[in-house]
């Protein structure tokens, strides 16, 4: 293997970490943070609703399961 091939293979994980770090920093800015929190609650609520449909807890616990999944 040549130098440039080894350099490329060695730098790929570092580039991936930097890319994910940049994406996280972008999502944590003031402009995007409310949107990020909204997506988190929306996706968590959908997953909680699916869980309620699969597991079928007692009716008085359905809202608690969905709320817990949504805020988690």
PDB file of N, CA and C in Angstrom:
ATOM      1  N   UNK A   1       0.835  -1.187   0.000  1.00  0.00           N
ATOM      2  CA  UNK A   1       0.000   0.000   0.000  1.00  0.00           C
ATOM      3  C   UNK A   1       0.877   1.246   0.000  1.00  0.00           C
ATOM      4  N   UNK A   2       0.415   2.209  -0.746  1.00  0.00           N
ATOM      5  CA  UNK A   2       1.163   3.446  -0.836  1.00  0.00           C
ATOM      6  C   UNK A   2       0.834   4.395   0.300  1.00  0.00           C
ATOM      7  N   UNK A   3       1.610   5.447   0.362  1.00  0.00           N
ATOM      8  CA  UNK A   3       1.431   6.438   1.431  1.00  0.00           C
ATOM      9  C   UNK A   3       0.041   7.070   1.376  1.00  0.00           C
ATOM     10  N   UNK A   4      -0.409   7.468   0.191  1.00  0.00           N
ATOM     11  CA  UNK A   4      -1.695   8.157   0.077  1.00  0.00           C
ATOM     12  C   UNK A   4      -2.866   7.242   0.399  1.00  0.00           C
ATOM     13  N   UNK A   5      -2.747   5.971   0.089  1.00  0.00           N
ATOM     14  CA  UNK A   5      -3.801   5.023   0.439  1.00  0.00           C
ATOM     15  C   UNK A   5      -3.899   4.883   1.957  1.00  0.00           C
ATOM     16  N   UNK A   6      -2.762   4.737   2.619  1.00  0.00           N
ATOM     17  CA  UNK A   6      -2.761   4.661   4.075  1.00  0.00           C
ATOM     18  C   UNK A   6      -3.268   5.952   4.711  1.00  0.00           C
ATOM     19  N   UNK A   7      -2.880   7.079   4.132  1.00  0.00           N
ATOM     20  CA  UNK A   7      -3.333   8.378   4.637  1.00  0.00           C
ATOM     21  C   UNK A   7      -4.845   8.508   4.522  1.00  0.00           C
ATOM     22  N   UNK A   8      -5.392   8.065   3.397  1.00  0.00           N
ATOM     23  CA  UNK A   8      -6.844   8.128   3.192  1.00  0.00           C
ATOM     24  C   UNK A   8      -7.579   7.217   4.180  1.00  0.00           C
ATOM     25  N   UNK A   9      -7.100   6.012   4.344  1.00  0.00           N
ATOM     26  CA  UNK A   9      -7.738   5.067   5.261  1.00  0.00           C
ATOM     27  C   UNK A   9      -7.660   5.561   6.702  1.00  0.00           C
ATOM     28  N   UNK A  10      -6.556   6.155   7.081  1.00  0.00           N
ATOM     29  CA  UNK A  10      -6.374   6.640   8.447  1.00  0.00           C
ATOM     30  C   UNK A  10      -7.186   7.903   8.727  1.00  0.00           C
ATOM     31  N   UNK A  11      -7.419   8.718   7.714  1.00  0.00           N
ATOM     32  CA  UNK A  11      -8.112   9.983   7.944  1.00  0.00           C
ATOM     33  C   UNK A  11      -9.633   9.871   7.853  1.00  0.00           C
ATOM     34  N   UNK A  12     -10.160   8.807   7.292  1.00  0.00           N
ATOM     35  CA  UNK A  12     -11.614   8.676   7.170  1.00  0.00           C
ATOM     36  C   UNK A  12     -12.346   8.702   8.520  1.00  0.00           C
ATOM     37  N   UNK A  13     -11.916   7.959   9.556  1.00  0.00           N
ATOM     38  CA  UNK A  13     -12.620   8.055  10.837  1.00  0.00           C
ATOM     39  C   UNK A  13     -12.558   9.449  11.447  1.00  0.00           C
ATOM     40  N   UNK A  14     -11.442  10.133  11.272  1.00  0.00           N
ATOM     41  CA  UNK A  14     -11.312  11.486  11.808  1.00  0.00           C
ATOM     42  C   UNK A  14     -12.259  12.433  11.089  1.00  0.00           C
ATOM     43  N   UNK A  15     -12.374  12.300   9.794  1.00  0.00           N
ATOM     44  CA  UNK A  15     -13.289  13.138   9.019  1.00  0.00           C
ATOM     45  C   UNK A  15     -14.736  12.868   9.430  1.00  0.00           C
ATOM     46  N   UNK A  16     -15.075  11.607   9.682  1.00  0.00           N
ATOM     47  CA  UNK A  16     -16.434  11.269  10.113  1.00  0.00           C
ATOM     48  C   UNK A  16     -16.757  11.895  11.469  1.00  0.00           C
ATOM     49  N   UNK A  17     -15.810  11.834  12.399  1.00  0.00           N
ATOM     50  CA  UNK A  17     -16.026  12.439  13.718  1.00  0.00           C
ATOM     51  C   UNK A  17     -16.177  13.953  13.592  1.00  0.00           C
ATOM     52  N   UNK A  18     -15.345  14.586  12.792  1.00  0.00           N
ATOM     53  CA  UNK A  18     -15.457  16.029  12.598  1.00  0.00           C
ATOM     54  C   UNK A  18     -16.779  16.409  11.942  1.00  0.00           C
ATOM     55  N   UNK A  19     -17.243  15.612  10.992  1.00  0.00           N
ATOM     56  CA  UNK A  19     -18.517  15.885  10.330  1.00  0.00           C
ATOM     57  C   UNK A  19     -19.684  15.776  11.302  1.00  0.00           C
ATOM     58  N   UNK A  20     -19.705  14.733  12.110  1.00  0.00           N
ATOM     59  CA  UNK A  20     -20.772  14.565  13.099  1.00  0.00           C
ATOM     60  C   UNK A  20     -20.700  15.670  14.152  1.00  0.00           C
ATOM     61  N   UNK A  21     -19.501  16.071  14.564  1.00  0.00           N
ATOM     62  CA  UNK A  21     -19.344  17.161  15.526  1.00  0.00           C
ATOM     63  C   UNK A  21     -19.868  18.474  14.953  1.00  0.00           C
ATOM     64  N   UNK A  22     -19.568  18.732  13.688  1.00  0.00           N
ATOM     65  CA  UNK A  22     -20.064  19.944  13.041  1.00  0.00           C
ATOM     66  C   UNK A  22     -21.589  19.925  12.959  1.00  0.00           C
ATOM     67  N   UNK A  23     -22.154  18.777  12.623  1.00  0.00           N
ATOM     68  CA  UNK A  23     -23.611  18.652  12.542  1.00  0.00           C
ATOM     69  C   UNK A  23     -24.245  18.876  13.908  1.00  0.00           C
ATOM     70  N   UNK A  24     -23.642  18.314  14.965  1.00  0.00           N
ATOM     71  CA  UNK A  24     -24.151  18.517  16.321  1.00  0.00           C
ATOM     72  C   UNK A  24     -24.059  19.970  16.746  1.00  0.00           C
ATOM     73  N   UNK A  25     -22.971  20.629  16.405  1.00  0.00           N
ATOM     74  CA  UNK A  25     -22.820  22.039  16.744  1.00  0.00           C
ATOM     75  C   UNK A  25     -23.839  22.890  15.991  1.00  0.00           C
ATOM     76  N   UNK A  26     -24.115  22.536  14.747  1.00  0.00           N
ATOM     77  CA  UNK A  26     -25.117  23.260  13.971  1.00  0.00           C
ATOM     78  C   UNK A  26     -26.506  23.083  14.575  1.00  0.00           C
ATOM     79  N   UNK A  27     -26.805  21.861  15.014  1.00  0.00           N
ATOM     80  CA  UNK A  27     -28.124  21.604  15.588  1.00  0.00           C
ATOM     81  C   UNK A  27     -28.287  22.230  16.968  1.00  0.00           C
ATOM     82  N   UNK A  28     -27.196  22.564  17.647  1.00  0.00           N
ATOM     83  CA  UNK A  28     -27.270  23.143  18.985  1.00  0.00           C
ATOM     84  C   UNK A  28     -27.309  24.663  18.975  1.00  0.00           C
ATOM     85  N   UNK A  29     -27.287  25.292  17.818  1.00  0.00           N
ATOM     86  CA  UNK A  29     -27.332  26.751  17.781  1.00  0.00           C
ATOM     87  C   UNK A  29     -28.721  27.245  18.154  1.00  0.00           C
ATOM     88  N   UNK A  30     -28.818  28.523  18.484  1.00  0.00           N
ATOM     89  CA  UNK A  30     -30.092  29.106  18.927  1.00  0.00           C
ATOM     90  C   UNK A  30     -31.174  28.984  17.854  1.00  0.00           C
ATOM     91  N   UNK A  31     -30.830  29.117  16.705  1.00  0.00           N
ATOM     92  CA  UNK A  31     -31.840  29.081  15.653  1.00  0.00           C
ATOM     93  C   UNK A  31     -32.453  27.697  15.544  1.00  0.00           C
ATOM     94  N   UNK A  32     -31.620  26.599  15.588  1.00  0.00           N
ATOM     95  CA  UNK A  32     -32.086  25.247  15.287  1.00  0.00           C
ATOM     96  C   UNK A  32     -32.531  24.466  16.516  1.00  0.00           C
ATOM     97  N   UNK A  33     -32.167  24.893  17.741  1.00  0.00           N
ATOM     98  CA  UNK A  33     -32.459  24.111  18.942  1.00  0.00           C
ATOM     99  C   UNK A  33     -33.957  23.860  19.143  1.00  0.00           C
ATOM    100  N   UNK A  34     -34.854  24.830  18.998  1.00  0.00           N
ATOM    101  CA  UNK A  34     -36.283  24.526  19.151  1.00  0.00           C
ATOM    102  C   UNK A  34     -36.780  23.509  18.119  1.00  0.00           C
ATOM    103  N   UNK A  35     -36.262  23.577  16.918  1.00  0.00           N
ATOM    104  CA  UNK A  35     -36.655  22.613  15.889  1.00  0.00           C
ATOM    105  C   UNK A  35     -36.155  21.226  16.273  1.00  0.00           C
ATOM    106  N   UNK A  36     -34.932  21.138  16.800  1.00  0.00           N
ATOM    107  CA  UNK A  36     -34.367  19.868  17.225  1.00  0.00           C
ATOM    108  C   UNK A  36     -35.197  19.251  18.354  1.00  0.00           C
ATOM    109  N   UNK A  37     -35.595  20.062  19.331  1.00  0.00           N
ATOM    110  CA  UNK A  37     -36.419  19.574  20.434  1.00  0.00           C
ATOM    111  C   UNK A  37     -37.780  19.129  19.919  1.00  0.00           C
ATOM    112  N   UNK A  38     -38.345  19.871  18.986  1.00  0.00           N
ATOM    113  CA  UNK A  38     -39.631  19.482  18.404  1.00  0.00           C
ATOM    114  C   UNK A  38     -39.557  18.144  17.678  1.00  0.00           C
ATOM    115  N   UNK A  39     -38.483  17.961  16.894  1.00  0.00           N
ATOM    116  CA  UNK A  39     -38.299  16.665  16.215  1.00  0.00           C
ATOM    117  C   UNK A  39     -38.162  15.528  17.217  1.00  0.00           C
ATOM    118  N   UNK A  40     -37.420  15.777  18.302  1.00  0.00           N
ATOM    119  CA  UNK A  40     -37.220  14.744  19.319  1.00  0.00           C
ATOM    120  C   UNK A  40     -38.549  14.336  19.951  1.00  0.00           C
ATOM    121  N   UNK A  41     -39.370  15.313  20.320  1.00  0.00           N
ATOM    122  CA  UNK A  41     -40.659  14.996  20.920  1.00  0.00           C
ATOM    123  C   UNK A  41     -41.600  14.338  19.915  1.00  0.00           C
ATOM    124  N   UNK A  42     -41.575  14.780  18.677  1.00  0.00           N
ATOM    125  CA  UNK A  42     -42.443  14.194  17.655  1.00  0.00           C
ATOM    126  C   UNK A  42     -42.079  12.732  17.391  1.00  0.00           C
ATOM    127  N   UNK A  43     -40.803  12.468  17.182  1.00  0.00           N
ATOM    128  CA  UNK A  43     -40.368  11.097  16.907  1.00  0.00           C
ATOM    129  C   UNK A  43     -40.583  10.214  18.137  1.00  0.00           C
ATOM    130  N   UNK A  44     -40.289  10.735  19.335  1.00  0.00           N
ATOM    131  CA  UNK A  44     -40.525   9.971  20.558  1.00  0.00           C
ATOM    132  C   UNK A  44     -41.997   9.671  20.769  1.00  0.00           C
ATOM    133  N   UNK A  45     -42.864  10.636  20.456  1.00  0.00           N
ATOM    134  CA  UNK A  45     -44.305  10.408  20.580  1.00  0.00           C
ATOM    135  C   UNK A  45     -44.809   9.346  19.613  1.00  0.00           C
ATOM    136  N   UNK A  46     -44.299   9.373  18.397  1.00  0.00           N
ATOM    137  CA  UNK A  46     -44.692   8.363  17.406  1.00  0.00           C
ATOM    138  C   UNK A  46     -44.230   6.976  17.851  1.00  0.00           C
ATOM    139  N   UNK A  47     -42.980   6.886  18.326  1.00  0.00           N
ATOM    140  CA  UNK A  47     -42.478   5.596  18.808  1.00  0.00           C
ATOM    141  C   UNK A  47     -43.263   5.125  20.040  1.00  0.00           C
ATOM    142  N   UNK A  48     -43.645   6.041  20.925  1.00  0.00           N
ATOM    143  CA  UNK A  48     -44.456   5.680  22.088  1.00  0.00           C
ATOM    144  C   UNK A  48     -45.830   5.185  21.672  1.00  0.00           C
ATOM    145  N   UNK A  49     -46.429   5.827  20.679  1.00  0.00           N
ATOM    146  CA  UNK A  49     -47.745   5.395  20.184  1.00  0.00           C
ATOM    147  C   UNK A  49     -47.656   3.991  19.585  1.00  0.00           C
ATOM    148  N   UNK A  50     -46.593   3.737  18.818  1.00  0.00           N
ATOM    149  CA  UNK A  50     -46.392   2.392  18.245  1.00  0.00           C
ATOM    150  C   UNK A  50     -46.205   1.376  19.367  1.00  0.00           C
ATOM    151  N   UNK A  51     -45.449   1.736  20.393  1.00  0.00           N
ATOM    152  CA  UNK A  51     -45.242   0.842  21.525  1.00  0.00           C
ATOM    153  C   UNK A  51     -46.549   0.531  22.237  1.00  0.00           C
ATOM    154  N   UNK A  52     -47.417   1.538  22.395  1.00  0.00           N
ATOM    155  CA  UNK A  52     -48.722   1.318  23.029  1.00  0.00           C
ATOM    156  C   UNK A  52     -49.568   0.361  22.191  1.00  0.00           C
ATOM    157  N   UNK A  53     -49.503   0.486  20.876  1.00  0.00           N
ATOM    158  CA  UNK A  53     -50.273  -0.405  20.008  1.00  0.00           C
ATOM    159  C   UNK A  53     -49.759  -1.840  20.063  1.00  0.00           C
ATOM    160  N   UNK A  54     -48.446  -2.013  20.248  1.00  0.00           N
ATOM    161  CA  UNK A  54     -47.867  -3.356  20.281  1.00  0.00           C
ATOM    162  C   UNK A  54     -48.053  -4.013  21.652  1.00  0.00           C
ATOM    163  N   UNK A  55     -47.727  -3.279  22.721  1.00  0.00           N
ATOM    164  CA  UNK A  55     -47.720  -3.859  24.064  1.00  0.00           C
ATOM    165  C   UNK A  55     -49.112  -3.897  24.695  1.00  0.00           C
ATOM    166  N   UNK A  56     -49.954  -2.932  24.363  1.00  0.00           N
ATOM    167  CA  UNK A  56     -51.318  -2.802  24.888  1.00  0.00           C
ATOM    168  C   UNK A  56     -51.362  -2.738  26.424  1.00  0.00           C
ATOM    169  N   UNK A  57     -50.816  -1.662  26.994  1.00  0.00           N
ATOM    170  CA  UNK A  57     -50.904  -1.523  28.453  1.00  0.00           C
ATOM    171  C   UNK A  57     -52.336  -1.169  28.858  1.00  0.00           C
ATOM    172  N   UNK A  58     -52.588  -1.105  30.142  1.00  0.00           N
ATOM    173  CA  UNK A  58     -53.919  -0.729  30.631  1.00  0.00           C
ATOM    174  C   UNK A  58     -54.231   0.681  30.144  1.00  0.00           C
ATOM    175  N   UNK A  59     -55.510   0.974  29.893  1.00  0.00           N
ATOM    176  CA  UNK A  59     -55.868   2.273  29.283  1.00  0.00           C
ATOM    177  C   UNK A  59     -55.375   3.493  30.064  1.00  0.00           C
ATOM    178  N   UNK A  60     -55.343   3.407  31.392  1.00  0.00           N
ATOM    179  CA  UNK A  60     -54.909   4.575  32.153  1.00  0.00           C
ATOM    180  C   UNK A  60     -53.393   4.785  32.099  1.00  0.00           C
ATOM    181  N   UNK A  61     -52.651   3.826  31.551  1.00  0.00           N
ATOM    182  CA  UNK A  61     -51.198   3.968  31.426  1.00  0.00           C
ATOM    183  C   UNK A  61     -50.742   4.360  30.021  1.00  0.00           C
ATOM    184  N   UNK A  62     -51.650   4.371  29.054  1.00  0.00           N
ATOM    185  CA  UNK A  62     -51.268   4.673  27.673  1.00  0.00           C
ATOM    186  C   UNK A  62     -50.649   6.059  27.530  1.00  0.00           C
ATOM    187  N   UNK A  63     -51.286   7.053  28.124  1.00  0.00           N
ATOM    188  CA  UNK A  63     -50.759   8.417  28.051  1.00  0.00           C
ATOM    189  C   UNK A  63     -49.406   8.563  28.721  1.00  0.00           C
ATOM    190  N   UNK A  64     -49.240   7.860  29.837  1.00  0.00           N
ATOM    191  CA  UNK A  64     -47.956   7.898  30.532  1.00  0.00           C
ATOM    192  C   UNK A  64     -46.844   7.277  29.697  1.00  0.00           C
ATOM    193  N   UNK A  65     -47.132   6.164  29.023  1.00  0.00           N
ATOM    194  CA  UNK A  65     -46.130   5.511  28.183  1.00  0.00           C
ATOM    195  C   UNK A  65     -45.738   6.424  27.027  1.00  0.00           C
ATOM    196  N   UNK A  66     -46.726   7.023  26.381  1.00  0.00           N
ATOM    197  CA  UNK A  66     -46.432   7.917  25.250  1.00  0.00           C
ATOM    198  C   UNK A  66     -45.644   9.138  25.708  1.00  0.00           C
ATOM    199  N   UNK A  67     -46.026   9.723  26.841  1.00  0.00           N
ATOM    200  CA  UNK A  67     -45.331  10.914  27.352  1.00  0.00           C
ATOM    201  C   UNK A  67     -43.892  10.580  27.748  1.00  0.00           C
ATOM    202  N   UNK A  68     -43.703   9.422  28.356  1.00  0.00           N
ATOM    203  CA  UNK A  68     -42.361   9.025  28.759  1.00  0.00           C
ATOM    204  C   UNK A  68     -41.466   8.802  27.557  1.00  0.00           C
ATOM    205  N   UNK A  69     -41.984   8.120  26.544  1.00  0.00           N
ATOM    206  CA  UNK A  69     -41.204   7.895  25.318  1.00  0.00           C
ATOM    207  C   UNK A  69     -40.934   9.220  24.609  1.00  0.00           C
ATOM    208  N   UNK A  70     -41.891  10.107  24.622  1.00  0.00           N
ATOM    209  CA  UNK A  70     -41.735  11.372  23.928  1.00  0.00           C
ATOM    210  C   UNK A  70     -40.670  12.253  24.581  1.00  0.00           C
ATOM    211  N   UNK A  71     -40.649  12.282  25.890  1.00  0.00           N
ATOM    212  CA  UNK A  71     -39.672  13.139  26.562  1.00  0.00           C
ATOM    213  C   UNK A  71     -38.306  12.483  26.662  1.00  0.00           C
ATOM    214  N   UNK A  72     -38.234  11.180  26.434  1.00  0.00           N
ATOM    215  CA  UNK A  72     -36.958  10.470  26.526  1.00  0.00           C
ATOM    216  C   UNK A  72     -36.169  10.651  25.282  1.00  0.00           C
TER     217      UNK A  72
END
